């Protein structure tokens, strides 16, 4: 029998690691780090051409893959809670900050790239 769960965990974990690395590379390319410091330019290439929150997608993917791999419901539930917290609190604060910092350029970016992947 094919260990479907093991394959799912390995593929999703590898995807999460690759995505996190690609996000870090893009942030370095534009000269910023993921914090509330001055933002010189929008990171809009690589993963950020498909989602405005690539780092969070990577972290949530890694967390969910660990929950599946370790077969722990509490870690799976914490992934859902974290997603809601990020979406409702953290990302909205970041969007307000980036709108103030980058103005129309960021608003146009928001119109063309989804907050998450959809």
PDB file of N, CA and C in Angstrom:
ATOM      1  N   UNK A   1       0.819  -1.197   0.000  1.00  0.00           N
ATOM      2  CA  UNK A   1       0.000   0.000   0.000  1.00  0.00           C
ATOM      3  C   UNK A   1       0.868   1.268   0.000  1.00  0.00           C
ATOM      4  N   UNK A   2       0.390   2.276  -0.683  1.00  0.00           N
ATOM      5  CA  UNK A   2       1.097   3.551  -0.761  1.00  0.00           C
ATOM      6  C   UNK A   2       0.798   4.365   0.496  1.00  0.00           C
ATOM      7  N   UNK A   3       1.833   4.833   1.181  1.00  0.00           N
ATOM      8  CA  UNK A   3       1.625   5.635   2.395  1.00  0.00           C
ATOM      9  C   UNK A   3       1.206   7.065   2.033  1.00  0.00           C
ATOM     10  N   UNK A   4      -0.069   7.219   1.713  1.00  0.00           N
ATOM     11  CA  UNK A   4      -0.563   8.509   1.221  1.00  0.00           C
ATOM     12  C   UNK A   4      -0.325   9.622   2.242  1.00  0.00           C
ATOM     13  N   UNK A   5      -0.564   9.343   3.500  1.00  0.00           N
ATOM     14  CA  UNK A   5      -0.376  10.377   4.512  1.00  0.00           C
ATOM     15  C   UNK A   5       1.080  10.825   4.569  1.00  0.00           C
ATOM     16  N   UNK A   6       2.000   9.887   4.513  1.00  0.00           N
ATOM     17  CA  UNK A   6       3.422  10.226   4.533  1.00  0.00           C
ATOM     18  C   UNK A   6       3.825  11.060   3.330  1.00  0.00           C
ATOM     19  N   UNK A   7       3.293  10.708   2.176  1.00  0.00           N
ATOM     20  CA  UNK A   7       3.583  11.476   0.956  1.00  0.00           C
ATOM     21  C   UNK A   7       3.008  12.885   1.084  1.00  0.00           C
ATOM     22  N   UNK A   8       1.775  12.991   1.563  1.00  0.00           N
ATOM     23  CA  UNK A   8       1.144  14.302   1.749  1.00  0.00           C
ATOM     24  C   UNK A   8       1.963  15.179   2.695  1.00  0.00           C
ATOM     25  N   UNK A   9       2.409  14.599   3.790  1.00  0.00           N
ATOM     26  CA  UNK A   9       3.197  15.348   4.772  1.00  0.00           C
ATOM     27  C   UNK A   9       4.523  15.796   4.154  1.00  0.00           C
ATOM     28  N   UNK A  10       5.211  14.887   3.490  1.00  0.00           N
ATOM     29  CA  UNK A  10       6.511  15.224   2.897  1.00  0.00           C
ATOM     30  C   UNK A  10       6.378  16.314   1.831  1.00  0.00           C
ATOM     31  N   UNK A  11       5.385  16.184   0.972  1.00  0.00           N
ATOM     32  CA  UNK A  11       5.198  17.165  -0.106  1.00  0.00           C
ATOM     33  C   UNK A  11       4.787  18.524   0.459  1.00  0.00           C
ATOM     34  N   UNK A  12       3.836  18.530   1.395  1.00  0.00           N
ATOM     35  CA  UNK A  12       3.383  19.814   1.939  1.00  0.00           C
ATOM     36  C   UNK A  12       4.471  20.479   2.777  1.00  0.00           C
ATOM     37  N   UNK A  13       5.249  19.697   3.511  1.00  0.00           N
ATOM     38  CA  UNK A  13       6.333  20.272   4.306  1.00  0.00           C
ATOM     39  C   UNK A  13       7.412  20.851   3.389  1.00  0.00           C
ATOM     40  N   UNK A  14       7.765  20.109   2.355  1.00  0.00           N
ATOM     41  CA  UNK A  14       8.759  20.602   1.387  1.00  0.00           C
ATOM     42  C   UNK A  14       8.263  21.873   0.707  1.00  0.00           C
ATOM     43  N   UNK A  15       6.973  21.904   0.352  1.00  0.00           N
ATOM     44  CA  UNK A  15       6.393  23.106  -0.252  1.00  0.00           C
ATOM     45  C   UNK A  15       6.489  24.287   0.704  1.00  0.00           C
ATOM     46  N   UNK A  16       6.148  24.076   1.971  1.00  0.00           N
ATOM     47  CA  UNK A  16       6.215  25.150   2.963  1.00  0.00           C
ATOM     48  C   UNK A  16       7.628  25.698   3.120  1.00  0.00           C
ATOM     49  N   UNK A  17       8.617  24.799   3.158  1.00  0.00           N
ATOM     50  CA  UNK A  17      10.012  25.240   3.267  1.00  0.00           C
ATOM     51  C   UNK A  17      10.449  26.016   2.028  1.00  0.00           C
ATOM     52  N   UNK A  18      10.108  25.502   0.864  1.00  0.00           N
ATOM     53  CA  UNK A  18      10.473  26.165  -0.396  1.00  0.00           C
ATOM     54  C   UNK A  18       9.806  27.540  -0.483  1.00  0.00           C
ATOM     55  N   UNK A  19       8.546  27.613  -0.106  1.00  0.00           N
ATOM     56  CA  UNK A  19       7.814  28.879  -0.141  1.00  0.00           C
ATOM     57  C   UNK A  19       8.428  29.892   0.820  1.00  0.00           C
ATOM     58  N   UNK A  20       8.763  29.460   2.026  1.00  0.00           N
ATOM     59  CA  UNK A  20       9.390  30.365   3.002  1.00  0.00           C
ATOM     60  C   UNK A  20      10.714  30.891   2.466  1.00  0.00           C
ATOM     61  N   UNK A  21      11.501  30.024   1.863  1.00  0.00           N
ATOM     62  CA  UNK A  21      12.776  30.452   1.286  1.00  0.00           C
ATOM     63  C   UNK A  21      12.597  31.436   0.150  1.00  0.00           C
ATOM     64  N   UNK A  22      11.633  31.175  -0.713  1.00  0.00           N
ATOM     65  CA  UNK A  22      11.371  32.081  -1.843  1.00  0.00           C
ATOM     66  C   UNK A  22      10.864  33.434  -1.357  1.00  0.00           C
ATOM     67  N   UNK A  23      10.057  33.428  -0.314  1.00  0.00           N
ATOM     68  CA  UNK A  23       9.574  34.698   0.260  1.00  0.00           C
ATOM     69  C   UNK A  23      10.730  35.495   0.854  1.00  0.00           C
ATOM     70  N   UNK A  24      11.591  34.827   1.593  1.00  0.00           N
ATOM     71  CA  UNK A  24      12.749  35.496   2.170  1.00  0.00           C
ATOM     72  C   UNK A  24      13.648  36.091   1.103  1.00  0.00           C
ATOM     73  N   UNK A  25      13.833  35.363   0.033  1.00  0.00           N
ATOM     74  CA  UNK A  25      14.660  35.850  -1.079  1.00  0.00           C
ATOM     75  C   UNK A  25      14.052  37.098  -1.709  1.00  0.00           C
ATOM     76  N   UNK A  26      12.759  37.097  -1.899  1.00  0.00           N
ATOM     77  CA  UNK A  26      12.092  38.261  -2.493  1.00  0.00           C
ATOM     78  C   UNK A  26      12.144  39.464  -1.559  1.00  0.00           C
ATOM     79  N   UNK A  27      11.951  39.243  -0.263  1.00  0.00           N
ATOM     80  CA  UNK A  27      12.033  40.351   0.685  1.00  0.00           C
ATOM     81  C   UNK A  27      13.439  40.952   0.715  1.00  0.00           C
ATOM     82  N   UNK A  28      14.451  40.103   0.644  1.00  0.00           N
ATOM     83  CA  UNK A  28      15.825  40.619   0.588  1.00  0.00           C
ATOM     84  C   UNK A  28      16.074  41.379  -0.706  1.00  0.00           C
ATOM     85  N   UNK A  29      15.479  40.918  -1.801  1.00  0.00           N
ATOM     86  CA  UNK A  29      15.667  41.572  -3.097  1.00  0.00           C
ATOM     87  C   UNK A  29      15.195  43.021  -3.065  1.00  0.00           C
ATOM     88  N   UNK A  30      14.071  43.265  -2.390  1.00  0.00           N
ATOM     89  CA  UNK A  30      13.542  44.632  -2.338  1.00  0.00           C
ATOM     90  C   UNK A  30      14.103  45.422  -1.158  1.00  0.00           C
ATOM     91  N   UNK A  31      14.923  44.787  -0.336  1.00  0.00           N
ATOM     92  CA  UNK A  31      15.582  45.496   0.753  1.00  0.00           C
ATOM     93  C   UNK A  31      14.740  45.717   1.985  1.00  0.00           C
ATOM     94  N   UNK A  32      13.894  44.759   2.304  1.00  0.00           N
ATOM     95  CA  UNK A  32      13.070  44.886   3.507  1.00  0.00           C
ATOM     96  C   UNK A  32      13.140  43.596   4.307  1.00  0.00           C
ATOM     97  N   UNK A  33      12.711  43.678   5.544  1.00  0.00           N
ATOM     98  CA  UNK A  33      12.574  42.501   6.383  1.00  0.00           C
ATOM     99  C   UNK A  33      11.143  42.486   6.897  1.00  0.00           C
ATOM    100  N   UNK A  34      10.617  41.316   7.255  1.00  0.00           N
ATOM    101  CA  UNK A  34       9.213  41.248   7.667  1.00  0.00           C
ATOM    102  C   UNK A  34       8.961  41.782   9.078  1.00  0.00           C
ATOM    103  N   UNK A  35       8.916  43.097   9.201  1.00  0.00           N
ATOM    104  CA  UNK A  35       8.548  43.735  10.467  1.00  0.00           C
ATOM    105  C   UNK A  35       7.917  45.092  10.153  1.00  0.00           C
ATOM    106  N   UNK A  36       7.571  45.835  11.167  1.00  0.00           N
ATOM    107  CA  UNK A  36       6.927  47.126  10.947  1.00  0.00           C
ATOM    108  C   UNK A  36       7.947  48.257  10.847  1.00  0.00           C
ATOM    109  N   UNK A  37       9.013  48.033  10.121  1.00  0.00           N
ATOM    110  CA  UNK A  37      10.005  49.073   9.879  1.00  0.00           C
ATOM    111  C   UNK A  37       9.688  49.749   8.540  1.00  0.00           C
ATOM    112  N   UNK A  38      10.513  50.668   8.170  1.00  0.00           N
ATOM    113  CA  UNK A  38      10.320  51.345   6.886  1.00  0.00           C
ATOM    114  C   UNK A  38      10.335  50.320   5.755  1.00  0.00           C
ATOM    115  N   UNK A  39       9.429  50.484   4.818  1.00  0.00           N
ATOM    116  CA  UNK A  39       9.321  49.568   3.686  1.00  0.00           C
ATOM    117  C   UNK A  39       9.704  50.334   2.422  1.00  0.00           C
ATOM    118  N   UNK A  40      10.857  50.019   1.837  1.00  0.00           N
ATOM    119  CA  UNK A  40      11.305  50.788   0.684  1.00  0.00           C
ATOM    120  C   UNK A  40      10.534  50.485  -0.602  1.00  0.00           C
ATOM    121  N   UNK A  41      10.011  49.270  -0.715  1.00  0.00           N
ATOM    122  CA  UNK A  41       9.389  48.845  -1.968  1.00  0.00           C
ATOM    123  C   UNK A  41       8.497  47.634  -1.703  1.00  0.00           C
ATOM    124  N   UNK A  42       7.481  47.469  -2.527  1.00  0.00           N
ATOM    125  CA  UNK A  42       6.600  46.308  -2.401  1.00  0.00           C
ATOM    126  C   UNK A  42       7.298  45.067  -2.947  1.00  0.00           C
ATOM    127  N   UNK A  43       7.246  44.002  -2.187  1.00  0.00           N
ATOM    128  CA  UNK A  43       7.712  42.702  -2.665  1.00  0.00           C
ATOM    129  C   UNK A  43       6.572  42.127  -3.491  1.00  0.00           C
ATOM    130  N   UNK A  44       6.705  42.167  -4.816  1.00  0.00           N
ATOM    131  CA  UNK A  44       5.584  41.757  -5.670  1.00  0.00           C
ATOM    132  C   UNK A  44       5.975  40.725  -6.721  1.00  0.00           C
ATOM    133  N   UNK A  45       7.124  40.107  -6.540  1.00  0.00           N
ATOM    134  CA  UNK A  45       7.538  39.043  -7.446  1.00  0.00           C
ATOM    135  C   UNK A  45       7.645  37.747  -6.659  1.00  0.00           C
ATOM    136  N   UNK A  46       7.963  36.668  -7.354  1.00  0.00           N
ATOM    137  CA  UNK A  46       8.035  35.367  -6.684  1.00  0.00           C
ATOM    138  C   UNK A  46       6.681  35.031  -6.076  1.00  0.00           C
ATOM    139  N   UNK A  47       6.660  34.496  -4.870  1.00  0.00           N
ATOM    140  CA  UNK A  47       5.386  34.128  -4.241  1.00  0.00           C
ATOM    141  C   UNK A  47       4.432  35.317  -4.067  1.00  0.00           C
ATOM    142  N   UNK A  48       5.017  36.513  -3.902  1.00  0.00           N
ATOM    143  CA  UNK A  48       4.194  37.696  -3.662  1.00  0.00           C
ATOM    144  C   UNK A  48       3.464  38.180  -4.915  1.00  0.00           C
ATOM    145  N   UNK A  49       3.676  37.522  -6.032  1.00  0.00           N
ATOM    146  CA  UNK A  49       2.879  37.796  -7.228  1.00  0.00           C
ATOM    147  C   UNK A  49       1.556  37.032  -7.163  1.00  0.00           C
ATOM    148  N   UNK A  50       1.457  36.059  -6.237  1.00  0.00           N
ATOM    149  CA  UNK A  50       0.272  35.211  -6.129  1.00  0.00           C
ATOM    150  C   UNK A  50      -0.477  35.392  -4.812  1.00  0.00           C
ATOM    151  N   UNK A  51       0.208  35.849  -3.795  1.00  0.00           N
ATOM    152  CA  UNK A  51      -0.396  36.084  -2.487  1.00  0.00           C
ATOM    153  C   UNK A  51       0.363  37.208  -1.792  1.00  0.00           C
ATOM    154  N   UNK A  52      -0.367  38.078  -1.112  1.00  0.00           N
ATOM    155  CA  UNK A  52       0.289  39.159  -0.382  1.00  0.00           C
ATOM    156  C   UNK A  52       0.898  38.662   0.928  1.00  0.00           C
ATOM    157  N   UNK A  53       0.614  37.444   1.303  1.00  0.00           N
ATOM    158  CA  UNK A  53       1.056  36.918   2.598  1.00  0.00           C
ATOM    159  C   UNK A  53       1.751  35.566   2.457  1.00  0.00           C
ATOM    160  N   UNK A  54       2.735  35.530   1.595  1.00  0.00           N
ATOM    161  CA  UNK A  54       3.435  34.275   1.319  1.00  0.00           C
ATOM    162  C   UNK A  54       4.090  33.656   2.535  1.00  0.00           C
ATOM    163  N   UNK A  55       4.676  34.480   3.403  1.00  0.00           N
ATOM    164  CA  UNK A  55       5.325  33.937   4.604  1.00  0.00           C
ATOM    165  C   UNK A  55       4.307  33.263   5.514  1.00  0.00           C
ATOM    166  N   UNK A  56       3.144  33.883   5.663  1.00  0.00           N
ATOM    167  CA  UNK A  56       2.114  33.283   6.516  1.00  0.00           C
ATOM    168  C   UNK A  56       1.579  31.997   5.892  1.00  0.00           C
ATOM    169  N   UNK A  57       1.418  31.970   4.572  1.00  0.00           N
ATOM    170  CA  UNK A  57       0.988  30.745   3.900  1.00  0.00           C
ATOM    171  C   UNK A  57       2.021  29.644   4.149  1.00  0.00           C
ATOM    172  N   UNK A  58       3.303  29.997   4.082  1.00  0.00           N
ATOM    173  CA  UNK A  58       4.364  29.011   4.324  1.00  0.00           C
ATOM    174  C   UNK A  58       4.301  28.466   5.748  1.00  0.00           C
ATOM    175  N   UNK A  59       4.188  29.359   6.722  1.00  0.00           N
ATOM    176  CA  UNK A  59       4.146  28.928   8.124  1.00  0.00           C
ATOM    177  C   UNK A  59       2.919  28.059   8.396  1.00  0.00           C
ATOM    178  N   UNK A  60       1.774  28.463   7.869  1.00  0.00           N
ATOM    179  CA  UNK A  60       0.554  27.674   8.073  1.00  0.00           C
ATOM    180  C   UNK A  60       0.649  26.316   7.386  1.00  0.00           C
ATOM    181  N   UNK A  61       1.282  26.262   6.225  1.00  0.00           N
ATOM    182  CA  UNK A  61       1.479  24.993   5.526  1.00  0.00           C
ATOM    183  C   UNK A  61       2.383  24.073   6.336  1.00  0.00           C
ATOM    184  N   UNK A  62       3.469  24.638   6.869  1.00  0.00           N
ATOM    185  CA  UNK A  62       4.371  23.835   7.702  1.00  0.00           C
ATOM    186  C   UNK A  62       3.657  23.326   8.949  1.00  0.00           C
ATOM    187  N   UNK A  63       2.898  24.190   9.578  1.00  0.00           N
ATOM    188  CA  UNK A  63       2.188  23.801  10.802  1.00  0.00           C
ATOM    189  C   UNK A  63       1.150  22.716  10.507  1.00  0.00           C
ATOM    190  N   UNK A  64       0.405  22.876   9.433  1.00  0.00           N
ATOM    191  CA  UNK A  64      -0.607  21.878   9.080  1.00  0.00           C
ATOM    192  C   UNK A  64       0.045  20.548   8.708  1.00  0.00           C
ATOM    193  N   UNK A  65       1.168  20.601   7.996  1.00  0.00           N
ATOM    194  CA  UNK A  65       1.824  19.343   7.624  1.00  0.00           C
ATOM    195  C   UNK A  65       2.364  18.617   8.862  1.00  0.00           C
ATOM    196  N   UNK A  66       2.848  19.377   9.835  1.00  0.00           N
ATOM    197  CA  UNK A  66       3.277  18.753  11.092  1.00  0.00           C
ATOM    198  C   UNK A  66       2.092  18.139  11.840  1.00  0.00           C
ATOM    199  N   UNK A  67       0.966  18.827  11.833  1.00  0.00           N
ATOM    200  CA  UNK A  67      -0.228  18.301  12.508  1.00  0.00           C
ATOM    201  C   UNK A  67      -0.650  16.968  11.890  1.00  0.00           C
ATOM    202  N   UNK A  68      -0.599  16.898  10.573  1.00  0.00           N
ATOM    203  CA  UNK A  68      -0.965  15.651   9.891  1.00  0.00           C
ATOM    204  C   UNK A  68       0.076  14.577  10.165  1.00  0.00           C
ATOM    205  N   UNK A  69       1.347  14.949  10.051  1.00  0.00           N
ATOM    206  CA  UNK A  69       2.425  13.980  10.250  1.00  0.00           C
ATOM    207  C   UNK A  69       2.482  13.424  11.663  1.00  0.00           C
ATOM    208  N   UNK A  70       2.240  14.278  12.630  1.00  0.00           N
ATOM    209  CA  UNK A  70       2.285  13.839  14.027  1.00  0.00           C
ATOM    210  C   UNK A  70       0.938  13.332  14.524  1.00  0.00           C
ATOM    211  N   UNK A  71      -0.072  13.449  13.678  1.00  0.00           N
ATOM    212  CA  UNK A  71      -1.422  12.982  13.990  1.00  0.00           C
ATOM    213  C   UNK A  71      -1.938  13.604  15.286  1.00  0.00           C
ATOM    214  N   UNK A  72      -1.840  14.940  15.370  1.00  0.00           N
ATOM    215  CA  UNK A  72      -2.299  15.641  16.568  1.00  0.00           C
ATOM    216  C   UNK A  72      -3.402  16.633  16.220  1.00  0.00           C
ATOM    217  N   UNK A  73      -4.535  16.407  16.802  1.00  0.00           N
ATOM    218  CA  UNK A  73      -5.683  17.284  16.547  1.00  0.00           C
ATOM    219  C   UNK A  73      -5.436  18.683  17.102  1.00  0.00           C
ATOM    220  N   UNK A  74      -4.762  18.789  18.257  1.00  0.00           N
ATOM    221  CA  UNK A  74      -4.562  20.107  18.857  1.00  0.00           C
ATOM    222  C   UNK A  74      -3.698  20.989  17.975  1.00  0.00           C
ATOM    223  N   UNK A  75      -2.690  20.411  17.297  1.00  0.00           N
ATOM    224  CA  UNK A  75      -1.860  21.200  16.397  1.00  0.00           C
ATOM    225  C   UNK A  75      -2.652  21.594  15.152  1.00  0.00           C
ATOM    226  N   UNK A  76      -3.500  20.709  14.684  1.00  0.00           N
ATOM    227  CA  UNK A  76      -4.378  21.043  13.556  1.00  0.00           C
ATOM    228  C   UNK A  76      -5.335  22.160  13.920  1.00  0.00           C
ATOM    229  N   UNK A  77      -5.912  22.077  15.102  1.00  0.00           N
ATOM    230  CA  UNK A  77      -6.820  23.125  15.564  1.00  0.00           C
ATOM    231  C   UNK A  77      -6.078  24.444  15.755  1.00  0.00           C
ATOM    232  N   UNK A  78      -4.864  24.375  16.258  1.00  0.00           N
ATOM    233  CA  UNK A  78      -4.103  25.610  16.440  1.00  0.00           C
ATOM    234  C   UNK A  78      -3.763  26.258  15.099  1.00  0.00           C
ATOM    235  N   UNK A  79      -3.649  25.459  14.041  1.00  0.00           N
ATOM    236  CA  UNK A  79      -3.435  26.015  12.694  1.00  0.00           C
ATOM    237  C   UNK A  79      -4.635  26.848  12.258  1.00  0.00           C
ATOM    238  N   UNK A  80      -5.814  26.349  12.553  1.00  0.00           N
ATOM    239  CA  UNK A  80      -7.044  27.082  12.206  1.00  0.00           C
ATOM    240  C   UNK A  80      -7.132  28.367  13.017  1.00  0.00           C
ATOM    241  N   UNK A  81      -6.855  28.280  14.305  1.00  0.00           N
ATOM    242  CA  UNK A  81      -6.887  29.467  15.172  1.00  0.00           C
ATOM    243  C   UNK A  81      -5.860  30.489  14.702  1.00  0.00           C
ATOM    244  N   UNK A  82      -4.669  30.017  14.366  1.00  0.00           N
ATOM    245  CA  UNK A  82      -3.621  30.919  13.891  1.00  0.00           C
ATOM    246  C   UNK A  82      -4.036  31.606  12.594  1.00  0.00           C
ATOM    247  N   UNK A  83      -4.647  30.866  11.685  1.00  0.00           N
ATOM    248  CA  UNK A  83      -5.108  31.437  10.417  1.00  0.00           C
ATOM    249  C   UNK A  83      -6.118  32.559  10.676  1.00  0.00           C
ATOM    250  N   UNK A  84      -7.051  32.316  11.557  1.00  0.00           N
ATOM    251  CA  UNK A  84      -8.065  33.339  11.877  1.00  0.00           C
ATOM    252  C   UNK A  84      -7.404  34.556  12.507  1.00  0.00           C
ATOM    253  N   UNK A  85      -6.489  34.338  13.447  1.00  0.00           N
ATOM    254  CA  UNK A  85      -5.793  35.447  14.102  1.00  0.00           C
ATOM    255  C   UNK A  85      -4.987  36.262  13.083  1.00  0.00           C
ATOM    256  N   UNK A  86      -4.242  35.573  12.242  1.00  0.00           N
ATOM    257  CA  UNK A  86      -3.461  36.280  11.227  1.00  0.00           C
ATOM    258  C   UNK A  86      -4.365  37.090  10.306  1.00  0.00           C
ATOM    259  N   UNK A  87      -5.435  36.478   9.854  1.00  0.00           N
ATOM    260  CA  UNK A  87      -6.328  37.151   8.905  1.00  0.00           C
ATOM    261  C   UNK A  87      -7.035  38.347   9.528  1.00  0.00           C
ATOM    262  N   UNK A  88      -7.540  38.190  10.727  1.00  0.00           N
ATOM    263  CA  UNK A  88      -8.369  39.236  11.345  1.00  0.00           C
ATOM    264  C   UNK A  88      -7.571  40.325  12.062  1.00  0.00           C
ATOM    265  N   UNK A  89      -6.404  39.987  12.595  1.00  0.00           N
ATOM    266  CA  UNK A  89      -5.650  40.946  13.411  1.00  0.00           C
ATOM    267  C   UNK A  89      -4.353  41.382  12.722  1.00  0.00           C
ATOM    268  N   UNK A  90      -3.462  40.448  12.515  1.00  0.00           N
ATOM    269  CA  UNK A  90      -2.117  40.778  12.059  1.00  0.00           C
ATOM    270  C   UNK A  90      -2.104  41.352  10.643  1.00  0.00           C
ATOM    271  N   UNK A  91      -2.708  40.648   9.715  1.00  0.00           N
ATOM    272  CA  UNK A  91      -2.666  41.074   8.309  1.00  0.00           C
ATOM    273  C   UNK A  91      -3.368  42.416   8.119  1.00  0.00           C
ATOM    274  N   UNK A  92      -4.458  42.620   8.796  1.00  0.00           N
ATOM    275  CA  UNK A  92      -5.162  43.907   8.657  1.00  0.00           C
ATOM    276  C   UNK A  92      -4.316  45.065   9.186  1.00  0.00           C
ATOM    277  N   UNK A  93      -3.608  44.845  10.285  1.00  0.00           N
ATOM    278  CA  UNK A  93      -2.714  45.887  10.803  1.00  0.00           C
ATOM    279  C   UNK A  93      -1.579  46.147   9.815  1.00  0.00           C
ATOM    280  N   UNK A  94      -1.034  45.089   9.241  1.00  0.00           N
ATOM    281  CA  UNK A  94       0.027  45.249   8.247  1.00  0.00           C
ATOM    282  C   UNK A  94      -0.480  45.989   7.013  1.00  0.00           C
ATOM    283  N   UNK A  95      -1.686  45.659   6.582  1.00  0.00           N
ATOM    284  CA  UNK A  95      -2.248  46.338   5.411  1.00  0.00           C
ATOM    285  C   UNK A  95      -2.452  47.824   5.680  1.00  0.00           C
ATOM    286  N   UNK A  96      -2.921  48.173   6.866  1.00  0.00           N
ATOM    287  CA  UNK A  96      -3.070  49.591   7.222  1.00  0.00           C
ATOM    288  C   UNK A  96      -1.711  50.287   7.187  1.00  0.00           C
ATOM    289  N   UNK A  97      -0.706  49.638   7.777  1.00  0.00           N
ATOM    290  CA  UNK A  97       0.646  50.190   7.807  1.00  0.00           C
ATOM    291  C   UNK A  97       1.188  50.386   6.391  1.00  0.00           C
ATOM    292  N   UNK A  98       1.060  49.368   5.541  1.00  0.00           N
ATOM    293  CA  UNK A  98       1.588  49.452   4.183  1.00  0.00           C
ATOM    294  C   UNK A  98       0.831  50.467   3.331  1.00  0.00           C
ATOM    295  N   UNK A  99      -0.455  50.624   3.578  1.00  0.00           N
ATOM    296  CA  UNK A  99      -1.219  51.641   2.859  1.00  0.00           C
ATOM    297  C   UNK A  99      -0.698  53.031   3.219  1.00  0.00           C
ATOM    298  N   UNK A 100      -0.410  53.247   4.490  1.00  0.00           N
ATOM    299  CA  UNK A 100       0.138  54.547   4.917  1.00  0.00           C
ATOM    300  C   UNK A 100       1.532  54.767   4.357  1.00  0.00           C
ATOM    301  N   UNK A 101       2.340  53.717   4.337  1.00  0.00           N
ATOM    302  CA  UNK A 101       3.723  53.828   3.865  1.00  0.00           C
ATOM    303  C   UNK A 101       3.818  53.980   2.343  1.00  0.00           C
ATOM    304  N   UNK A 102       3.033  53.200   1.607  1.00  0.00           N
ATOM    305  CA  UNK A 102       3.208  53.101   0.159  1.00  0.00           C
ATOM    306  C   UNK A 102       2.049  53.649  -0.662  1.00  0.00           C
ATOM    307  N   UNK A 103       0.946  53.993  -0.009  1.00  0.00           N
ATOM    308  CA  UNK A 103      -0.173  54.665  -0.663  1.00  0.00           C
ATOM    309  C   UNK A 103      -0.774  53.934  -1.848  1.00  0.00           C
ATOM    310  N   UNK A 104      -0.929  54.657  -2.946  1.00  0.00           N
ATOM    311  CA  UNK A 104      -1.620  54.162  -4.136  1.00  0.00           C
ATOM    312  C   UNK A 104      -0.939  52.923  -4.705  1.00  0.00           C
ATOM    313  N   UNK A 105       0.384  52.888  -4.651  1.00  0.00           N
ATOM    314  CA  UNK A 105       1.111  51.733  -5.182  1.00  0.00           C
ATOM    315  C   UNK A 105       0.664  50.448  -4.473  1.00  0.00           C
ATOM    316  N   UNK A 106       0.520  50.505  -3.155  1.00  0.00           N
ATOM    317  CA  UNK A 106       0.090  49.326  -2.406  1.00  0.00           C
ATOM    318  C   UNK A 106      -1.376  49.014  -2.666  1.00  0.00           C
ATOM    319  N   UNK A 107      -2.206  50.031  -2.784  1.00  0.00           N
ATOM    320  CA  UNK A 107      -3.626  49.811  -3.080  1.00  0.00           C
ATOM    321  C   UNK A 107      -3.803  49.104  -4.422  1.00  0.00           C
ATOM    322  N   UNK A 108      -3.023  49.487  -5.410  1.00  0.00           N
ATOM    323  CA  UNK A 108      -3.090  48.823  -6.724  1.00  0.00           C
ATOM    324  C   UNK A 108      -2.633  47.375  -6.613  1.00  0.00           C
ATOM    325  N   UNK A 109      -1.593  47.146  -5.835  1.00  0.00           N
ATOM    326  CA  UNK A 109      -1.110  45.786  -5.603  1.00  0.00           C
ATOM    327  C   UNK A 109      -2.216  44.938  -4.971  1.00  0.00           C
ATOM    328  N   UNK A 110      -2.919  45.493  -3.988  1.00  0.00           N
ATOM    329  CA  UNK A 110      -4.008  44.780  -3.319  1.00  0.00           C
ATOM    330  C   UNK A 110      -5.150  44.451  -4.276  1.00  0.00           C
ATOM    331  N   UNK A 111      -5.361  45.289  -5.260  1.00  0.00           N
ATOM    332  CA  UNK A 111      -6.432  45.044  -6.230  1.00  0.00           C
ATOM    333  C   UNK A 111      -6.099  43.899  -7.182  1.00  0.00           C
ATOM    334  N   UNK A 112      -4.823  43.613  -7.369  1.00  0.00           N
ATOM    335  CA  UNK A 112      -4.440  42.592  -8.346  1.00  0.00           C
ATOM    336  C   UNK A 112      -3.951  41.286  -7.728  1.00  0.00           C
ATOM    337  N   UNK A 113      -3.529  41.313  -6.451  1.00  0.00           N
ATOM    338  CA  UNK A 113      -2.997  40.107  -5.806  1.00  0.00           C
ATOM    339  C   UNK A 113      -3.847  39.805  -4.571  1.00  0.00           C
ATOM    340  N   UNK A 114      -4.354  38.574  -4.458  1.00  0.00           N
ATOM    341  CA  UNK A 114      -5.214  38.256  -3.309  1.00  0.00           C
ATOM    342  C   UNK A 114      -4.450  38.240  -1.977  1.00  0.00           C
ATOM    343  N   UNK A 115      -5.178  38.473  -0.912  1.00  0.00           N
ATOM    344  CA  UNK A 115      -4.589  38.449   0.437  1.00  0.00           C
ATOM    345  C   UNK A 115      -3.981  37.073   0.704  1.00  0.00           C
ATOM    346  N   UNK A 116      -4.702  36.045   0.411  1.00  0.00           N
ATOM    347  CA  UNK A 116      -4.201  34.682   0.581  1.00  0.00           C
ATOM    348  C   UNK A 116      -3.965  34.105  -0.800  1.00  0.00           C
ATOM    349  N   UNK A 117      -4.445  32.968  -1.097  1.00  0.00           N
ATOM    350  CA  UNK A 117      -4.236  32.390  -2.447  1.00  0.00           C
ATOM    351  C   UNK A 117      -5.527  32.438  -3.280  1.00  0.00           C
ATOM    352  N   UNK A 118      -6.576  32.973  -2.697  1.00  0.00           N
ATOM    353  CA  UNK A 118      -7.869  33.001  -3.390  1.00  0.00           C
ATOM    354  C   UNK A 118      -8.537  34.319  -3.129  1.00  0.00           C
TER     355      UNK A 118
END
